[in-house]
Amino acid sequence: MDRKLLGSRIADRRNYMRMSQEDLALILHVTRESISNWETGRRGIDAVDMQRLATALETTVGYFFGEDEPGEENSSAGQGAVMTSIAGDVDRRLANMEAQLQELLERFKQADK
């Protein structure tokens, strides 16, 4: 894997999508440092994160290796899919937090008895 090509393609596509490293990190649930490391070639990226990255940046995995160019005509449809995915993630996280809070409340109630 050519990390320099990969990194420059990630950065180019991220900038094309008008995302900061922080924005992309939030979508992928990784640190901003991970995005930076991928873009500079300091670290490799596993296959799962590569696919998630391609989806978030509305392109193909092949694009990162110079195999093809992403189509601009699919941009708004892809953004909708990404936003739907993010909204679903937020809903799941909120539900999980709510369940954890309920569990904590029950523990406190039992501790008071």
C-alpha atoms as a PDB file:
ATOM      1  CA  MET A   1       0.000   0.000   0.000  1.00  0.00           C
ATOM      2  CA  ASP A   2       1.407   3.403  -0.995  1.00  0.00           C
ATOM      3  CA  ARG A   3       0.731   5.401   2.175  1.00  0.00           C
ATOM      4  CA  LYS A   4       1.656   8.740   0.557  1.00  0.00           C
ATOM      5  CA  LEU A   5      -0.847   8.267  -2.271  1.00  0.00           C
ATOM      6  CA  LEU A   6      -3.454   6.992   0.169  1.00  0.00           C
ATOM      7  CA  GLY A   7      -2.903   9.933   2.523  1.00  0.00           C
ATOM      8  CA  SER A   8      -3.032  12.565  -0.177  1.00  0.00           C
ATOM      9  CA  ARG A   9      -6.203  11.055  -1.646  1.00  0.00           C
ATOM     10  CA  ILE A  10      -7.875  10.987   1.791  1.00  0.00           C
ATOM     11  CA  ALA A  11      -6.935  14.642   2.407  1.00  0.00           C
ATOM     12  CA  ASP A  12      -7.984  15.693  -1.106  1.00  0.00           C
ATOM     13  CA  ARG A  13     -11.352  14.019  -0.831  1.00  0.00           C
ATOM     14  CA  ARG A  14     -11.934  15.301   2.723  1.00  0.00           C
ATOM     15  CA  ASN A  15     -11.180  18.843   1.572  1.00  0.00           C
ATOM     16  CA  TYR A  16     -13.413  18.397  -1.482  1.00  0.00           C
ATOM     17  CA  MET A  17     -16.221  17.422   0.903  1.00  0.00           C
ATOM     18  CA  ARG A  18     -15.404  20.525   2.985  1.00  0.00           C
ATOM     19  CA  MET A  19     -14.767  18.499   6.120  1.00  0.00           C
ATOM     20  CA  SER A  20     -12.175  19.162   8.770  1.00  0.00           C
ATOM     21  CA  GLN A  21     -10.150  16.304  10.200  1.00  0.00           C
ATOM     22  CA  GLU A  22     -12.272  16.668  13.337  1.00  0.00           C
ATOM     23  CA  ASP A  23     -15.519  16.390  11.327  1.00  0.00           C
ATOM     24  CA  LEU A  24     -14.336  13.204   9.666  1.00  0.00           C
ATOM     25  CA  ALA A  25     -13.072  11.792  12.950  1.00  0.00           C
ATOM     26  CA  LEU A  26     -16.493  12.322  14.548  1.00  0.00           C
ATOM     27  CA  ILE A  27     -18.240  10.546  11.684  1.00  0.00           C
ATOM     28  CA  LEU A  28     -15.848   7.581  11.827  1.00  0.00           C
ATOM     29  CA  HIS A  29     -15.653   7.463  15.643  1.00  0.00           C
ATOM     30  CA  VAL A  30     -11.868   7.778  15.620  1.00  0.00           C
ATOM     31  CA  THR A  31      -9.543  10.489  16.869  1.00  0.00           C
ATOM     32  CA  ARG A  32      -8.495  13.485  14.819  1.00  0.00           C
ATOM     33  CA  GLU A  33      -4.962  12.196  15.264  1.00  0.00           C
ATOM     34  CA  SER A  34      -5.930   8.987  13.442  1.00  0.00           C
ATOM     35  CA  ILE A  35      -7.123  11.021  10.466  1.00  0.00           C
ATOM     36  CA  SER A  36      -3.899  13.048  10.550  1.00  0.00           C
ATOM     37  CA  ASN A  37      -1.785   9.889  10.749  1.00  0.00           C
ATOM     38  CA  TRP A  38      -3.596   8.360   7.761  1.00  0.00           C
ATOM     39  CA  GLU A  39      -3.233  11.547   5.726  1.00  0.00           C
ATOM     40  CA  THR A  40       0.479  11.944   6.455  1.00  0.00           C
ATOM     41  CA  GLY A  41       1.246   8.248   5.968  1.00  0.00           C
ATOM     42  CA  ARG A  42       2.496   7.793   9.523  1.00  0.00           C
ATOM     43  CA  ARG A  43      -0.006   4.981  10.091  1.00  0.00           C
ATOM     44  CA  GLY A  44      -1.784   2.468   7.917  1.00  0.00           C
ATOM     45  CA  ILE A  45      -5.518   1.929   7.879  1.00  0.00           C
ATOM     46  CA  ASP A  46      -7.345  -1.376   8.242  1.00  0.00           C
ATOM     47  CA  ALA A  47      -9.894  -2.662   5.727  1.00  0.00           C
ATOM     48  CA  VAL A  48     -12.935  -1.896   7.899  1.00  0.00           C
ATOM     49  CA  ASP A  49     -11.902   1.721   8.492  1.00  0.00           C
ATOM     50  CA  MET A  50     -10.984   2.050   4.815  1.00  0.00           C
ATOM     51  CA  GLN A  51     -14.513   1.064   3.781  1.00  0.00           C
ATOM     52  CA  ARG A  52     -16.083   3.363   6.380  1.00  0.00           C
ATOM     53  CA  LEU A  53     -13.810   6.170   5.177  1.00  0.00           C
ATOM     54  CA  ALA A  54     -14.855   5.617   1.562  1.00  0.00           C
ATOM     55  CA  THR A  55     -18.524   5.703   2.576  1.00  0.00           C
ATOM     56  CA  ALA A  56     -18.117   8.854   4.665  1.00  0.00           C
ATOM     57  CA  LEU A  57     -16.267  10.587   1.835  1.00  0.00           C
ATOM     58  CA  GLU A  58     -18.767   9.363  -0.762  1.00  0.00           C
ATOM     59  CA  THR A  59     -16.250   7.492  -2.862  1.00  0.00           C
ATOM     60  CA  THR A  60     -14.829   4.022  -3.407  1.00  0.00           C
ATOM     61  CA  VAL A  61     -11.893   2.312  -1.732  1.00  0.00           C
ATOM     62  CA  GLY A  62     -10.276   2.181  -5.172  1.00  0.00           C
ATOM     63  CA  TYR A  63     -10.234   5.974  -5.307  1.00  0.00           C
ATOM     64  CA  PHE A  64      -7.721   6.061  -2.453  1.00  0.00           C
ATOM     65  CA  PHE A  65      -5.332   3.960  -4.538  1.00  0.00           C
ATOM     66  CA  GLY A  66      -5.744   6.035  -7.684  1.00  0.00           C
ATOM     67  CA  GLU A  67      -7.928   3.473  -9.474  1.00  0.00           C
ATOM     68  CA  ASP A  68     -10.876   5.740 -10.181  1.00  0.00           C
ATOM     69  CA  GLU A  69     -12.242   9.187  -9.517  1.00  0.00           C
ATOM     70  CA  PRO A  70     -15.316   9.796  -7.366  1.00  0.00           C
ATOM     71  CA  GLY A  71     -18.382  11.110  -9.156  1.00  0.00           C
ATOM     72  CA  GLU A  72     -19.523  14.570  -8.146  1.00  0.00           C
ATOM     73  CA  GLU A  73     -23.059  13.888  -9.347  1.00  0.00           C
ATOM     74  CA  ASN A  74     -23.729  11.581  -6.376  1.00  0.00           C
ATOM     75  CA  SER A  75     -22.593  14.099  -3.784  1.00  0.00           C
ATOM     76  CA  SER A  76     -25.941  15.199  -2.326  1.00  0.00           C
ATOM     77  CA  ALA A  77     -27.356  11.657  -2.277  1.00  0.00           C
ATOM     78  CA  GLY A  78     -24.238  10.431  -0.493  1.00  0.00           C
ATOM     79  CA  GLN A  79     -24.382  13.247   2.029  1.00  0.00           C
ATOM     80  CA  GLY A  80     -27.947  12.256   2.836  1.00  0.00           C
ATOM     81  CA  ALA A  81     -26.840   8.677   3.461  1.00  0.00           C
ATOM     82  CA  VAL A  82     -24.001   9.843   5.694  1.00  0.00           C
ATOM     83  CA  MET A  83     -26.329  12.134   7.657  1.00  0.00           C
ATOM     84  CA  THR A  84     -28.853   9.310   8.071  1.00  0.00           C
ATOM     85  CA  SER A  85     -26.074   7.069   9.340  1.00  0.00           C
ATOM     86  CA  ILE A  86     -24.897   9.739  11.788  1.00  0.00           C
ATOM     87  CA  ALA A  87     -28.455  10.340  13.032  1.00  0.00           C
ATOM     88  CA  GLY A  88     -28.907   6.616  13.612  1.00  0.00           C
ATOM     89  CA  ASP A  89     -25.618   6.502  15.490  1.00  0.00           C
ATOM     90  CA  VAL A  90     -26.654   9.424  17.684  1.00  0.00           C
ATOM     91  CA  ASP A  91     -30.027   7.804  18.409  1.00  0.00           C
ATOM     92  CA  ARG A  92     -28.342   4.518  19.413  1.00  0.00           C
ATOM     93  CA  ARG A  93     -25.850   6.318  21.638  1.00  0.00           C
ATOM     94  CA  LEU A  94     -28.579   8.341  23.335  1.00  0.00           C
ATOM     95  CA  ALA A  95     -30.640   5.209  23.946  1.00  0.00           C
ATOM     96  CA  ASN A  96     -27.581   3.495  25.407  1.00  0.00           C
ATOM     97  CA  MET A  97     -26.846   6.478  27.654  1.00  0.00           C
ATOM     98  CA  GLU A  98     -30.462   6.567  28.777  1.00  0.00           C
ATOM     99  CA  ALA A  99     -30.329   2.879  29.700  1.00  0.00           C
ATOM    100  CA  GLN A 100     -27.080   3.417  31.615  1.00  0.00           C
ATOM    101  CA  LEU A 101     -28.610   6.331  33.528  1.00  0.00           C
ATOM    102  CA  GLN A 102     -31.652   4.238  34.410  1.00  0.00           C
ATOM    103  CA  GLU A 103     -29.361   1.484  35.678  1.00  0.00           C
ATOM    104  CA  LEU A 104     -27.416   3.989  37.809  1.00  0.00           C
ATOM    105  CA  LEU A 105     -30.637   5.415  39.238  1.00  0.00           C
ATOM    106  CA  GLU A 106     -31.766   1.931  40.216  1.00  0.00           C
ATOM    107  CA  ARG A 107     -28.436   1.270  41.919  1.00  0.00           C
ATOM    108  CA  PHE A 108     -28.684   4.515  43.883  1.00  0.00           C
ATOM    109  CA  LYS A 109     -32.246   3.712  44.934  1.00  0.00           C
ATOM    110  CA  GLN A 110     -31.178   0.287  46.164  1.00  0.00           C
ATOM    111  CA  ALA A 111     -28.181   1.769  47.985  1.00  0.00           C
ATOM    112  CA  ASP A 112     -30.477   4.170  49.879  1.00  0.00           C
ATOM    113  CA  LYS A 113     -32.616   1.324  51.224  1.00  0.00           C
END
